[in-house]
Amino acid sequence: MFPKKNRITKTEFNDLLKNSRVFHSNFFSLRFIKKDTKNLPKFAFVVSKKVAKNASDRNKLKRRGFHALRDILFKNGSIEITGFTGAFFFKKEAVDMSFEEIKKDIAVLLKKSDVIE
């Protein structure tokens, strides 16, 4: 799990839903806002009940997502990007994905949105 300072609050999430850009992949949708400030990057993973019925399955997918994102972004103990707020929405096809597939798909979306190179 990410530190609390790197997770989106409810008010930030509502703002993200209204004023964001969207990128899609086979397993995720990424909604994000890029700001020019030096704020810490903030992320969220959303799994609806249509994707996974059980809360334990939804939580498992979120944990896998956060862990994959941490592997991609954290280098040398700190995050390399600033001023980014984003939420990953799982699609139904993502339920049976392996960890490596999740990690690869998240990296593709972050490259599409010009967060990482």
PDB file of N, CA and C in Angstrom:
ATOM      1  N   MET A   1       0.850  -1.180   0.000  1.00  0.00           N
ATOM      2  CA  MET A   1       0.000   0.000   0.000  1.00  0.00           C
ATOM      3  C   MET A   1       0.890   1.235   0.000  1.00  0.00           C
ATOM      4  N   PHE A   2       0.443   2.256  -0.654  1.00  0.00           N
ATOM      5  CA  PHE A   2       1.171   3.517  -0.710  1.00  0.00           C
ATOM      6  C   PHE A   2       1.013   4.259   0.613  1.00  0.00           C
ATOM      7  N   PRO A   3       1.953   5.139   0.940  1.00  0.00           N
ATOM      8  CA  PRO A   3       1.765   5.997   2.111  1.00  0.00           C
ATOM      9  C   PRO A   3       0.547   6.887   1.908  1.00  0.00           C
ATOM     10  N   LYS A   4      -0.058   7.306   2.994  1.00  0.00           N
ATOM     11  CA  LYS A   4      -1.280   8.102   2.920  1.00  0.00           C
ATOM     12  C   LYS A   4      -1.075   9.393   2.119  1.00  0.00           C
ATOM     13  N   LYS A   5       0.125   9.965   2.185  1.00  0.00           N
ATOM     14  CA  LYS A   5       0.391  11.208   1.456  1.00  0.00           C
ATOM     15  C   LYS A   5       0.382  11.007  -0.057  1.00  0.00           C
ATOM     16  N   ASN A   6       0.452   9.753  -0.526  1.00  0.00           N
ATOM     17  CA  ASN A   6       0.429   9.447  -1.955  1.00  0.00           C
ATOM     18  C   ASN A   6      -0.885   8.827  -2.414  1.00  0.00           C
ATOM     19  N   ARG A   7      -1.929   8.903  -1.561  1.00  0.00           N
ATOM     20  CA  ARG A   7      -3.234   8.389  -1.942  1.00  0.00           C
ATOM     21  C   ARG A   7      -4.224   9.539  -2.084  1.00  0.00           C
ATOM     22  N   ILE A   8      -5.200   9.359  -2.940  1.00  0.00           N
ATOM     23  CA  ILE A   8      -6.171  10.401  -3.246  1.00  0.00           C
ATOM     24  C   ILE A   8      -7.248  10.465  -2.163  1.00  0.00           C
ATOM     25  N   THR A   9      -7.611  11.705  -1.770  1.00  0.00           N
ATOM     26  CA  THR A   9      -8.707  11.899  -0.829  1.00  0.00           C
ATOM     27  C   THR A   9     -10.031  11.928  -1.592  1.00  0.00           C
ATOM     28  N   LYS A  10     -11.144  11.930  -0.864  1.00  0.00           N
ATOM     29  CA  LYS A  10     -12.463  11.942  -1.506  1.00  0.00           C
ATOM     30  C   LYS A  10     -12.686  13.215  -2.322  1.00  0.00           C
ATOM     31  N   THR A  11     -12.277  14.351  -1.799  1.00  0.00           N
ATOM     32  CA  THR A  11     -12.471  15.600  -2.540  1.00  0.00           C
ATOM     33  C   THR A  11     -11.603  15.628  -3.799  1.00  0.00           C
ATOM     34  N   GLU A  12     -10.381  15.132  -3.705  1.00  0.00           N
ATOM     35  CA  GLU A  12      -9.522  15.065  -4.884  1.00  0.00           C
ATOM     36  C   GLU A  12     -10.085  14.092  -5.909  1.00  0.00           C
ATOM     37  N   PHE A  13     -10.699  13.007  -5.428  1.00  0.00           N
ATOM     38  CA  PHE A  13     -11.277  12.023  -6.330  1.00  0.00           C
ATOM     39  C   PHE A  13     -12.455  12.623  -7.103  1.00  0.00           C
ATOM     40  N   ASN A  14     -13.305  13.375  -6.411  1.00  0.00           N
ATOM     41  CA  ASN A  14     -14.436  14.026  -7.091  1.00  0.00           C
ATOM     42  C   ASN A  14     -13.944  15.028  -8.134  1.00  0.00           C
ATOM     43  N   ASP A  15     -12.902  15.775  -7.815  1.00  0.00           N
ATOM     44  CA  ASP A  15     -12.311  16.712  -8.773  1.00  0.00           C
ATOM     45  C   ASP A  15     -11.710  15.956  -9.956  1.00  0.00           C
ATOM     46  N   LEU A  16     -11.117  14.829  -9.685  1.00  0.00           N
ATOM     47  CA  LEU A  16     -10.519  14.001 -10.733  1.00  0.00           C
ATOM     48  C   LEU A  16     -11.574  13.488 -11.708  1.00  0.00           C
ATOM     49  N   LEU A  17     -12.725  13.110 -11.207  1.00  0.00           N
ATOM     50  CA  LEU A  17     -13.790  12.616 -12.071  1.00  0.00           C
ATOM     51  C   LEU A  17     -14.343  13.708 -12.986  1.00  0.00           C
ATOM     52  N   LYS A  18     -14.328  14.945 -12.518  1.00  0.00           N
ATOM     53  CA  LYS A  18     -14.891  16.049 -13.297  1.00  0.00           C
ATOM     54  C   LYS A  18     -13.909  16.640 -14.302  1.00  0.00           C
ATOM     55  N   ASN A  19     -12.647  16.761 -13.928  1.00  0.00           N
ATOM     56  CA  ASN A  19     -11.685  17.539 -14.724  1.00  0.00           C
ATOM     57  C   ASN A  19     -10.469  16.727 -15.157  1.00  0.00           C
ATOM     58  N   SER A  20     -10.667  15.537 -15.624  1.00  0.00           N
ATOM     59  CA  SER A  20      -9.502  14.701 -15.919  1.00  0.00           C
ATOM     60  C   SER A  20      -9.438  14.303 -17.384  1.00  0.00           C
ATOM     61  N   ARG A  21      -8.256  13.861 -17.774  1.00  0.00           N
ATOM     62  CA  ARG A  21      -8.061  13.235 -19.079  1.00  0.00           C
ATOM     63  C   ARG A  21      -8.119  11.733 -18.863  1.00  0.00           C
ATOM     64  N   VAL A  22      -8.480  11.000 -19.905  1.00  0.00           N
ATOM     65  CA  VAL A  22      -8.663   9.551 -19.767  1.00  0.00           C
ATOM     66  C   VAL A  22      -7.855   8.825 -20.829  1.00  0.00           C
ATOM     67  N   PHE A  23      -7.176   7.765 -20.403  1.00  0.00           N
ATOM     68  CA  PHE A  23      -6.506   6.837 -21.308  1.00  0.00           C
ATOM     69  C   PHE A  23      -6.998   5.436 -20.989  1.00  0.00           C
ATOM     70  N   HIS A  24      -7.123   4.610 -22.021  1.00  0.00           N
ATOM     71  CA  HIS A  24      -7.627   3.251 -21.849  1.00  0.00           C
ATOM     72  C   HIS A  24      -6.597   2.231 -22.316  1.00  0.00           C
ATOM     73  N   SER A  25      -6.636   1.084 -21.675  1.00  0.00           N
ATOM     74  CA  SER A  25      -5.872  -0.077 -22.127  1.00  0.00           C
ATOM     75  C   SER A  25      -6.813  -1.271 -22.078  1.00  0.00           C
ATOM     76  N   ASN A  26      -6.284  -2.449 -22.291  1.00  0.00           N
ATOM     77  CA  ASN A  26      -7.135  -3.640 -22.286  1.00  0.00           C
ATOM     78  C   ASN A  26      -7.716  -3.951 -20.910  1.00  0.00           C
ATOM     79  N   PHE A  27      -6.988  -3.608 -19.856  1.00  0.00           N
ATOM     80  CA  PHE A  27      -7.383  -4.021 -18.510  1.00  0.00           C
ATOM     81  C   PHE A  27      -7.692  -2.872 -17.560  1.00  0.00           C
ATOM     82  N   PHE A  28      -7.317  -1.636 -17.930  1.00  0.00           N
ATOM     83  CA  PHE A  28      -7.500  -0.481 -17.056  1.00  0.00           C
ATOM     84  C   PHE A  28      -7.989   0.725 -17.847  1.00  0.00           C
ATOM     85  N   SER A  29      -8.549   1.675 -17.099  1.00  0.00           N
ATOM     86  CA  SER A  29      -8.751   3.030 -17.585  1.00  0.00           C
ATOM     87  C   SER A  29      -8.019   3.929 -16.595  1.00  0.00           C
ATOM     88  N   LEU A  30      -7.302   4.908 -17.102  1.00  0.00           N
ATOM     89  CA  LEU A  30      -6.567   5.837 -16.242  1.00  0.00           C
ATOM     90  C   LEU A  30      -7.156   7.222 -16.412  1.00  0.00           C
ATOM     91  N   ARG A  31      -7.618   7.802 -15.308  1.00  0.00           N
ATOM     92  CA  ARG A  31      -8.071   9.190 -15.296  1.00  0.00           C
ATOM     93  C   ARG A  31      -7.009   9.953 -14.518  1.00  0.00           C
ATOM     94  N   PHE A  32      -6.552  11.078 -15.089  1.00  0.00           N
ATOM     95  CA  PHE A  32      -5.500  11.804 -14.398  1.00  0.00           C
ATOM     96  C   PHE A  32      -5.579  13.300 -14.646  1.00  0.00           C
ATOM     97  N   ILE A  33      -4.961  14.023 -13.724  1.00  0.00           N
ATOM     98  CA  ILE A  33      -4.786  15.458 -13.827  1.00  0.00           C
ATOM     99  C   ILE A  33      -3.300  15.723 -13.602  1.00  0.00           C
ATOM    100  N   LYS A  34      -2.708  16.484 -14.492  1.00  0.00           N
ATOM    101  CA  LYS A  34      -1.317  16.881 -14.337  1.00  0.00           C
ATOM    102  C   LYS A  34      -1.289  18.331 -13.905  1.00  0.00           C
ATOM    103  N   LYS A  35      -0.573  18.604 -12.816  1.00  0.00           N
ATOM    104  CA  LYS A  35      -0.454  19.970 -12.318  1.00  0.00           C
ATOM    105  C   LYS A  35       1.009  20.385 -12.415  1.00  0.00           C
ATOM    106  N   ASP A  36       1.236  21.676 -12.562  1.00  0.00           N
ATOM    107  CA  ASP A  36       2.604  22.171 -12.685  1.00  0.00           C
ATOM    108  C   ASP A  36       3.285  22.370 -11.334  1.00  0.00           C
ATOM    109  N   THR A  37       2.568  22.144 -10.264  1.00  0.00           N
ATOM    110  CA  THR A  37       3.125  22.383  -8.937  1.00  0.00           C
ATOM    111  C   THR A  37       4.070  21.262  -8.537  1.00  0.00           C
ATOM    112  N   LYS A  38       4.717  21.459  -7.432  1.00  0.00           N
ATOM    113  CA  LYS A  38       5.660  20.470  -6.908  1.00  0.00           C
ATOM    114  C   LYS A  38       5.000  19.522  -5.909  1.00  0.00           C
ATOM    115  N   ASN A  39       3.688  19.329  -6.039  1.00  0.00           N
ATOM    116  CA  ASN A  39       2.966  18.429  -5.138  1.00  0.00           C
ATOM    117  C   ASN A  39       3.411  16.992  -5.343  1.00  0.00           C
ATOM    118  N   LEU A  40       3.242  16.210  -4.318  1.00  0.00           N
ATOM    119  CA  LEU A  40       3.534  14.783  -4.423  1.00  0.00           C
ATOM    120  C   LEU A  40       2.532  14.124  -5.352  1.00  0.00           C
ATOM    121  N   PRO A  41       2.944  13.092  -6.069  1.00  0.00           N
ATOM    122  CA  PRO A  41       1.978  12.377  -6.906  1.00  0.00           C
ATOM    123  C   PRO A  41       1.013  11.586  -6.032  1.00  0.00           C
ATOM    124  N   LYS A  42      -0.235  11.508  -6.466  1.00  0.00           N
ATOM    125  CA  LYS A  42      -1.255  10.774  -5.712  1.00  0.00           C
ATOM    126  C   LYS A  42      -1.970   9.824  -6.652  1.00  0.00           C
ATOM    127  N   PHE A  43      -2.281   8.630  -6.125  1.00  0.00           N
ATOM    128  CA  PHE A  43      -2.884   7.585  -6.933  1.00  0.00           C
ATOM    129  C   PHE A  43      -4.005   6.894  -6.182  1.00  0.00           C
ATOM    130  N   ALA A  44      -4.891   6.262  -6.953  1.00  0.00           N
ATOM    131  CA  ALA A  44      -5.955   5.426  -6.402  1.00  0.00           C
ATOM    132  C   ALA A  44      -6.223   4.295  -7.387  1.00  0.00           C
ATOM    133  N   PHE A  45      -6.711   3.183  -6.874  1.00  0.00           N
ATOM    134  CA  PHE A  45      -7.172   2.070  -7.692  1.00  0.00           C
ATOM    135  C   PHE A  45      -8.622   1.820  -7.340  1.00  0.00           C
ATOM    136  N   VAL A  46      -9.461   1.685  -8.373  1.00  0.00           N
ATOM    137  CA  VAL A  46     -10.894   1.512  -8.181  1.00  0.00           C
ATOM    138  C   VAL A  46     -11.315   0.195  -8.816  1.00  0.00           C
ATOM    139  N   VAL A  47     -11.986  -0.636  -8.016  1.00  0.00           N
ATOM    140  CA  VAL A  47     -12.521  -1.906  -8.503  1.00  0.00           C
ATOM    141  C   VAL A  47     -14.003  -1.927  -8.142  1.00  0.00           C
ATOM    142  N   SER A  48     -14.867  -1.942  -9.138  1.00  0.00           N
ATOM    143  CA  SER A  48     -16.300  -1.916  -8.864  1.00  0.00           C
ATOM    144  C   SER A  48     -16.806  -3.323  -8.540  1.00  0.00           C
ATOM    145  N   LYS A  49     -18.018  -3.384  -8.034  1.00  0.00           N
ATOM    146  CA  LYS A  49     -18.638  -4.667  -7.724  1.00  0.00           C
ATOM    147  C   LYS A  49     -18.977  -5.439  -8.991  1.00  0.00           C
ATOM    148  N   LYS A  50     -19.084  -4.759 -10.117  1.00  0.00           N
ATOM    149  CA  LYS A  50     -19.314  -5.450 -11.385  1.00  0.00           C
ATOM    150  C   LYS A  50     -18.078  -6.222 -11.815  1.00  0.00           C
ATOM    151  N   VAL A  51     -16.915  -5.750 -11.406  1.00  0.00           N
ATOM    152  CA  VAL A  51     -15.659  -6.411 -11.766  1.00  0.00           C
ATOM    153  C   VAL A  51     -15.391  -7.592 -10.840  1.00  0.00           C
ATOM    154  N   ALA A  52     -15.505  -7.376  -9.527  1.00  0.00           N
ATOM    155  CA  ALA A  52     -15.267  -8.434  -8.540  1.00  0.00           C
ATOM    156  C   ALA A  52     -16.347  -8.346  -7.469  1.00  0.00           C
ATOM    157  N   LYS A  53     -17.099  -9.421  -7.306  1.00  0.00           N
ATOM    158  CA  LYS A  53     -18.240  -9.427  -6.377  1.00  0.00           C
ATOM    159  C   LYS A  53     -17.805  -9.330  -4.921  1.00  0.00           C
ATOM    160  N   ASN A  54     -16.781 -10.094  -4.538  1.00  0.00           N
ATOM    161  CA  ASN A  54     -16.357 -10.164  -3.139  1.00  0.00           C
ATOM    162  C   ASN A  54     -15.401  -9.034  -2.797  1.00  0.00           C
ATOM    163  N   ALA A  55     -15.552  -8.500  -1.583  1.00  0.00           N
ATOM    164  CA  ALA A  55     -14.670  -7.422  -1.124  1.00  0.00           C
ATOM    165  C   ALA A  55     -13.222  -7.895  -1.059  1.00  0.00           C
ATOM    166  N   SER A  56     -13.019  -9.142  -0.683  1.00  0.00           N
ATOM    167  CA  SER A  56     -11.650  -9.651  -0.600  1.00  0.00           C
ATOM    168  C   SER A  56     -10.981  -9.686  -1.977  1.00  0.00           C
ATOM    169  N   ASP A  57     -11.754 -10.002  -3.011  1.00  0.00           N
ATOM    170  CA  ASP A  57     -11.213  -9.995  -4.372  1.00  0.00           C
ATOM    171  C   ASP A  57     -10.908  -8.573  -4.840  1.00  0.00           C
ATOM    172  N   ARG A  58     -11.785  -7.635  -4.506  1.00  0.00           N
ATOM    173  CA  ARG A  58     -11.545  -6.232  -4.870  1.00  0.00           C
ATOM    174  C   ARG A  58     -10.294  -5.708  -4.171  1.00  0.00           C
ATOM    175  N   ASN A  59     -10.156  -6.015  -2.897  1.00  0.00           N
ATOM    176  CA  ASN A  59      -8.982  -5.566  -2.143  1.00  0.00           C
ATOM    177  C   ASN A  59      -7.701  -6.200  -2.670  1.00  0.00           C
ATOM    178  N   LYS A  60      -7.773  -7.442  -3.069  1.00  0.00           N
ATOM    179  CA  LYS A  60      -6.608  -8.137  -3.634  1.00  0.00           C
ATOM    180  C   LYS A  60      -6.143  -7.456  -4.921  1.00  0.00           C
ATOM    181  N   LEU A  61      -7.096  -7.089  -5.776  1.00  0.00           N
ATOM    182  CA  LEU A  61      -6.750  -6.398  -7.015  1.00  0.00           C
ATOM    183  C   LEU A  61      -6.128  -5.032  -6.725  1.00  0.00           C
ATOM    184  N   LYS A  62      -6.678  -4.313  -5.755  1.00  0.00           N
ATOM    185  CA  LYS A  62      -6.121  -3.004  -5.400  1.00  0.00           C
ATOM    186  C   LYS A  62      -4.702  -3.150  -4.861  1.00  0.00           C
ATOM    187  N   ARG A  63      -4.475  -4.133  -3.990  1.00  0.00           N
ATOM    188  CA  ARG A  63      -3.131  -4.351  -3.452  1.00  0.00           C
ATOM    189  C   ARG A  63      -2.142  -4.676  -4.556  1.00  0.00           C
ATOM    190  N   ARG A  64      -2.546  -5.522  -5.500  1.00  0.00           N
ATOM    191  CA  ARG A  64      -1.677  -5.856  -6.632  1.00  0.00           C
ATOM    192  C   ARG A  64      -1.369  -4.618  -7.462  1.00  0.00           C
ATOM    193  N   GLY A  65      -2.389  -3.785  -7.674  1.00  0.00           N
ATOM    194  CA  GLY A  65      -2.188  -2.560  -8.439  1.00  0.00           C
ATOM    195  C   GLY A  65      -1.211  -1.609  -7.765  1.00  0.00           C
ATOM    196  N   PHE A  66      -1.395  -1.378  -6.466  1.00  0.00           N
ATOM    197  CA  PHE A  66      -0.493  -0.486  -5.737  1.00  0.00           C
ATOM    198  C   PHE A  66       0.934  -1.032  -5.718  1.00  0.00           C
ATOM    199  N   HIS A  67       1.057  -2.346  -5.542  1.00  0.00           N
ATOM    200  CA  HIS A  67       2.388  -2.951  -5.515  1.00  0.00           C
ATOM    201  C   HIS A  67       3.072  -2.824  -6.877  1.00  0.00           C
ATOM    202  N   ALA A  68       2.336  -3.046  -7.947  1.00  0.00           N
ATOM    203  CA  ALA A  68       2.900  -2.915  -9.293  1.00  0.00           C
ATOM    204  C   ALA A  68       3.303  -1.466  -9.561  1.00  0.00           C
ATOM    205  N   LEU A  69       2.467  -0.534  -9.159  1.00  0.00           N
ATOM    206  CA  LEU A  69       2.772   0.880  -9.350  1.00  0.00           C
ATOM    207  C   LEU A  69       4.004   1.282  -8.548  1.00  0.00           C
ATOM    208  N   ARG A  70       4.117   0.771  -7.348  1.00  0.00           N
ATOM    209  CA  ARG A  70       5.292   1.054  -6.517  1.00  0.00           C
ATOM    210  C   ARG A  70       6.558   0.541  -7.179  1.00  0.00           C
ATOM    211  N   ASP A  71       6.498  -0.655  -7.765  1.00  0.00           N
ATOM    212  CA  ASP A  71       7.666  -1.207  -8.459  1.00  0.00           C
ATOM    213  C   ASP A  71       8.059  -0.350  -9.659  1.00  0.00           C
ATOM    214  N   ILE A  72       7.079   0.242 -10.318  1.00  0.00           N
ATOM    215  CA  ILE A  72       7.350   1.055 -11.508  1.00  0.00           C
ATOM    216  C   ILE A  72       7.895   2.435 -11.121  1.00  0.00           C
ATOM    217  N   LEU A  73       7.296   3.080 -10.120  1.00  0.00           N
ATOM    218  CA  LEU A  73       7.601   4.475  -9.826  1.00  0.00           C
ATOM    219  C   LEU A  73       8.692   4.703  -8.799  1.00  0.00           C
ATOM    220  N   PHE A  74       8.756   3.886  -7.756  1.00  0.00           N
ATOM    221  CA  PHE A  74       9.723   4.122  -6.698  1.00  0.00           C
ATOM    222  C   PHE A  74      11.092   3.622  -7.137  1.00  0.00           C
ATOM    223  N   LYS A  75      12.006   4.551  -7.230  1.00  0.00           N
ATOM    224  CA  LYS A  75      13.384   4.190  -7.548  1.00  0.00           C
ATOM    225  C   LYS A  75      14.267   4.863  -6.514  1.00  0.00           C
ATOM    226  N   ASN A  76      15.136   4.095  -5.901  1.00  0.00           N
ATOM    227  CA  ASN A  76      16.039   4.616  -4.864  1.00  0.00           C
ATOM    228  C   ASN A  76      15.266   5.209  -3.682  1.00  0.00           C
ATOM    229  N   GLY A  77      14.114   4.650  -3.366  1.00  0.00           N
ATOM    230  CA  GLY A  77      13.353   5.066  -2.194  1.00  0.00           C
ATOM    231  C   GLY A  77      12.475   6.284  -2.356  1.00  0.00           C
ATOM    232  N   SER A  78      12.424   6.888  -3.544  1.00  0.00           N
ATOM    233  CA  SER A  78      11.566   8.050  -3.735  1.00  0.00           C
ATOM    234  C   SER A  78      10.917   8.005  -5.118  1.00  0.00           C
ATOM    235  N   ILE A  79       9.831   8.746  -5.258  1.00  0.00           N
ATOM    236  CA  ILE A  79       9.127   8.796  -6.532  1.00  0.00           C
ATOM    237  C   ILE A  79       9.778   9.869  -7.403  1.00  0.00           C
ATOM    238  N   GLU A  80       9.951   9.559  -8.660  1.00  0.00           N
ATOM    239  CA  GLU A  80      10.652  10.443  -9.591  1.00  0.00           C
ATOM    240  C   GLU A  80       9.756  11.538 -10.185  1.00  0.00           C
ATOM    241  N   ILE A  81       8.431  11.450 -10.032  1.00  0.00           N
ATOM    242  CA  ILE A  81       7.522  12.403 -10.676  1.00  0.00           C
ATOM    243  C   ILE A  81       6.854  13.292  -9.634  1.00  0.00           C
ATOM    244  N   THR A  82       6.347  14.457 -10.084  1.00  0.00           N
ATOM    245  CA  THR A  82       5.613  15.357  -9.195  1.00  0.00           C
ATOM    246  C   THR A  82       4.404  15.924  -9.934  1.00  0.00           C
ATOM    247  N   GLY A  83       3.447  16.422  -9.157  1.00  0.00           N
ATOM    248  CA  GLY A  83       2.297  17.120  -9.738  1.00  0.00           C
ATOM    249  C   GLY A  83       1.340  16.249 -10.525  1.00  0.00           C
ATOM    250  N   PHE A  84       1.198  14.992 -10.177  1.00  0.00           N
ATOM    251  CA  PHE A  84       0.337  14.065 -10.916  1.00  0.00           C
ATOM    252  C   PHE A  84      -0.669  13.450  -9.960  1.00  0.00           C
ATOM    253  N   THR A  85      -1.935  13.466 -10.344  1.00  0.00           N
ATOM    254  CA  THR A  85      -2.999  12.807  -9.589  1.00  0.00           C
ATOM    255  C   THR A  85      -3.726  11.881 -10.556  1.00  0.00           C
ATOM    256  N   GLY A  86      -3.784  10.585 -10.224  1.00  0.00           N
ATOM    257  CA  GLY A  86      -4.399   9.645 -11.144  1.00  0.00           C
ATOM    258  C   GLY A  86      -5.122   8.509 -10.447  1.00  0.00           C
ATOM    259  N   ALA A  87      -6.140   7.988 -11.132  1.00  0.00           N
ATOM    260  CA  ALA A  87      -6.901   6.852 -10.623  1.00  0.00           C
ATOM    261  C   ALA A  87      -6.990   5.798 -11.718  1.00  0.00           C
ATOM    262  N   PHE A  88      -6.654   4.576 -11.358  1.00  0.00           N
ATOM    263  CA  PHE A  88      -6.757   3.440 -12.265  1.00  0.00           C
ATOM    264  C   PHE A  88      -8.059   2.705 -11.975  1.00  0.00           C
ATOM    265  N   PHE A  89      -8.860   2.504 -13.011  1.00  0.00           N
ATOM    266  CA  PHE A  89     -10.119   1.785 -12.884  1.00  0.00           C
ATOM    267  C   PHE A  89      -9.946   0.416 -13.533  1.00  0.00           C
ATOM    268  N   PHE A  90     -10.136  -0.643 -12.755  1.00  0.00           N
ATOM    269  CA  PHE A  90     -10.024  -1.999 -13.282  1.00  0.00           C
ATOM    270  C   PHE A  90     -11.197  -2.310 -14.188  1.00  0.00           C
ATOM    271  N   LYS A  91     -10.944  -3.058 -15.244  1.00  0.00           N
ATOM    272  CA  LYS A  91     -11.995  -3.573 -16.110  1.00  0.00           C
ATOM    273  C   LYS A  91     -12.207  -5.050 -15.795  1.00  0.00           C
ATOM    274  N   LYS A  92     -13.309  -5.632 -16.271  1.00  0.00           N
ATOM    275  CA  LYS A  92     -13.639  -7.026 -15.982  1.00  0.00           C
ATOM    276  C   LYS A  92     -12.551  -7.999 -16.413  1.00  0.00           C
ATOM    277  N   GLU A  93     -11.858  -7.683 -17.507  1.00  0.00           N
ATOM    278  CA  GLU A  93     -10.833  -8.575 -18.033  1.00  0.00           C
ATOM    279  C   GLU A  93      -9.621  -8.676 -17.109  1.00  0.00           C
ATOM    280  N   ALA A  94      -9.477  -7.750 -16.167  1.00  0.00           N
ATOM    281  CA  ALA A  94      -8.298  -7.706 -15.302  1.00  0.00           C
ATOM    282  C   ALA A  94      -8.358  -8.681 -14.139  1.00  0.00           C
ATOM    283  N   VAL A  95      -9.486  -9.297 -13.911  1.00  0.00           N
ATOM    284  CA  VAL A  95      -9.646 -10.166 -12.741  1.00  0.00           C
ATOM    285  C   VAL A  95      -8.685 -11.347 -12.755  1.00  0.00           C
ATOM    286  N   ASP A  96      -8.469 -11.934 -13.902  1.00  0.00           N
ATOM    287  CA  ASP A  96      -7.631 -13.130 -13.992  1.00  0.00           C
ATOM    288  C   ASP A  96      -6.191 -12.841 -14.410  1.00  0.00           C
ATOM    289  N   MET A  97      -5.770 -11.590 -14.331  1.00  0.00           N
ATOM    290  CA  MET A  97      -4.418 -11.221 -14.742  1.00  0.00           C
ATOM    291  C   MET A  97      -3.386 -11.620 -13.697  1.00  0.00           C
ATOM    292  N   SER A  98      -2.181 -11.905 -14.181  1.00  0.00           N
ATOM    293  CA  SER A  98      -1.075 -12.145 -13.262  1.00  0.00           C
ATOM    294  C   SER A  98      -0.490 -10.799 -12.846  1.00  0.00           C
ATOM    295  N   PHE A  99       0.352 -10.823 -11.841  1.00  0.00           N
ATOM    296  CA  PHE A  99       0.973  -9.595 -11.351  1.00  0.00           C
ATOM    297  C   PHE A  99       1.815  -8.930 -12.441  1.00  0.00           C
ATOM    298  N   GLU A 100       2.550  -9.708 -13.185  1.00  0.00           N
ATOM    299  CA  GLU A 100       3.404  -9.155 -14.242  1.00  0.00           C
ATOM    300  C   GLU A 100       2.577  -8.487 -15.339  1.00  0.00           C
ATOM    301  N   GLU A 101       1.422  -9.063 -15.666  1.00  0.00           N
ATOM    302  CA  GLU A 101       0.548  -8.454 -16.675  1.00  0.00           C
ATOM    303  C   GLU A 101      -0.018  -7.123 -16.170  1.00  0.00           C
ATOM    304  N   ILE A 102      -0.381  -7.080 -14.890  1.00  0.00           N
ATOM    305  CA  ILE A 102      -0.876  -5.840 -14.295  1.00  0.00           C
ATOM    306  C   ILE A 102       0.210  -4.774 -14.348  1.00  0.00           C
ATOM    307  N   LYS A 103       1.414  -5.153 -13.960  1.00  0.00           N
ATOM    308  CA  LYS A 103       2.541  -4.224 -13.953  1.00  0.00           C
ATOM    309  C   LYS A 103       2.823  -3.681 -15.355  1.00  0.00           C
ATOM    310  N   LYS A 104       2.788  -4.563 -16.343  1.00  0.00           N
ATOM    311  CA  LYS A 104       3.052  -4.169 -17.730  1.00  0.00           C
ATOM    312  C   LYS A 104       1.979  -3.206 -18.240  1.00  0.00           C
ATOM    313  N   ASP A 105       0.718  -3.492 -17.950  1.00  0.00           N
ATOM    314  CA  ASP A 105      -0.383  -2.658 -18.423  1.00  0.00           C
ATOM    315  C   ASP A 105      -0.379  -1.279 -17.755  1.00  0.00           C
ATOM    316  N   ILE A 106      -0.044  -1.223 -16.476  1.00  0.00           N
ATOM    317  CA  ILE A 106       0.064   0.054 -15.776  1.00  0.00           C
ATOM    318  C   ILE A 106       1.188   0.886 -16.385  1.00  0.00           C
ATOM    319  N   ALA A 107       2.311   0.249 -16.681  1.00  0.00           N
ATOM    320  CA  ALA A 107       3.437   0.959 -17.290  1.00  0.00           C
ATOM    321  C   ALA A 107       3.053   1.523 -18.658  1.00  0.00           C
ATOM    322  N   VAL A 108       2.284   0.758 -19.435  1.00  0.00           N
ATOM    323  CA  VAL A 108       1.836   1.232 -20.748  1.00  0.00           C
ATOM    324  C   VAL A 108       0.969   2.480 -20.606  1.00  0.00           C
ATOM    325  N   LEU A 109       0.046   2.472 -19.653  1.00  0.00           N
ATOM    326  CA  LEU A 109      -0.823   3.635 -19.446  1.00  0.00           C
ATOM    327  C   LEU A 109      -0.036   4.857 -18.971  1.00  0.00           C
ATOM    328  N   LEU A 110       0.944   4.643 -18.095  1.00  0.00           N
ATOM    329  CA  LEU A 110       1.741   5.761 -17.618  1.00  0.00           C
ATOM    330  C   LEU A 110       2.601   6.348 -18.738  1.00  0.00           C
ATOM    331  N   LYS A 111       3.040   5.504 -19.660  1.00  0.00           N
ATOM    332  CA  LYS A 111       3.805   6.006 -20.808  1.00  0.00           C
ATOM    333  C   LYS A 111       2.899   6.774 -21.764  1.00  0.00           C
ATOM    334  N   LYS A 112       1.676   6.296 -21.975  1.00  0.00           N
ATOM    335  CA  LYS A 112       0.717   7.003 -22.829  1.00  0.00           C
ATOM    336  C   LYS A 112       0.421   8.392 -22.286  1.00  0.00           C
ATOM    337  N   SER A 113       0.346   8.520 -20.981  1.00  0.00           N
ATOM    338  CA  SER A 113       0.008   9.796 -20.359  1.00  0.00           C
ATOM    339  C   SER A 113       1.235  10.666 -20.099  1.00  0.00           C
ATOM    340  N   ASP A 114       2.398  10.248 -20.562  1.00  0.00           N
ATOM    341  CA  ASP A 114       3.658  10.989 -20.426  1.00  0.00           C
ATOM    342  C   ASP A 114       4.080  11.212 -18.977  1.00  0.00           C
ATOM    343  N   VAL A 115       3.765  10.276 -18.107  1.00  0.00           N
ATOM    344  CA  VAL A 115       4.210  10.362 -16.719  1.00  0.00           C
ATOM    345  C   VAL A 115       5.616   9.783 -16.613  1.00  0.00           C
ATOM    346  N   ILE A 116       5.854   8.666 -17.270  1.00  0.00           N
ATOM    347  CA  ILE A 116       7.179   8.053 -17.308  1.00  0.00           C
ATOM    348  C   ILE A 116       7.636   7.928 -18.736  1.00  0.00           C
ATOM    349  N   GLU A 117       8.917   7.694 -18.898  1.00  0.00           N
ATOM    350  CA  GLU A 117       9.465   7.547 -20.252  1.00  0.00           C
ATOM    351  C   GLU A 117       9.558   6.097 -20.658  1.00  0.00           C
TER     352      GLU A 117
END
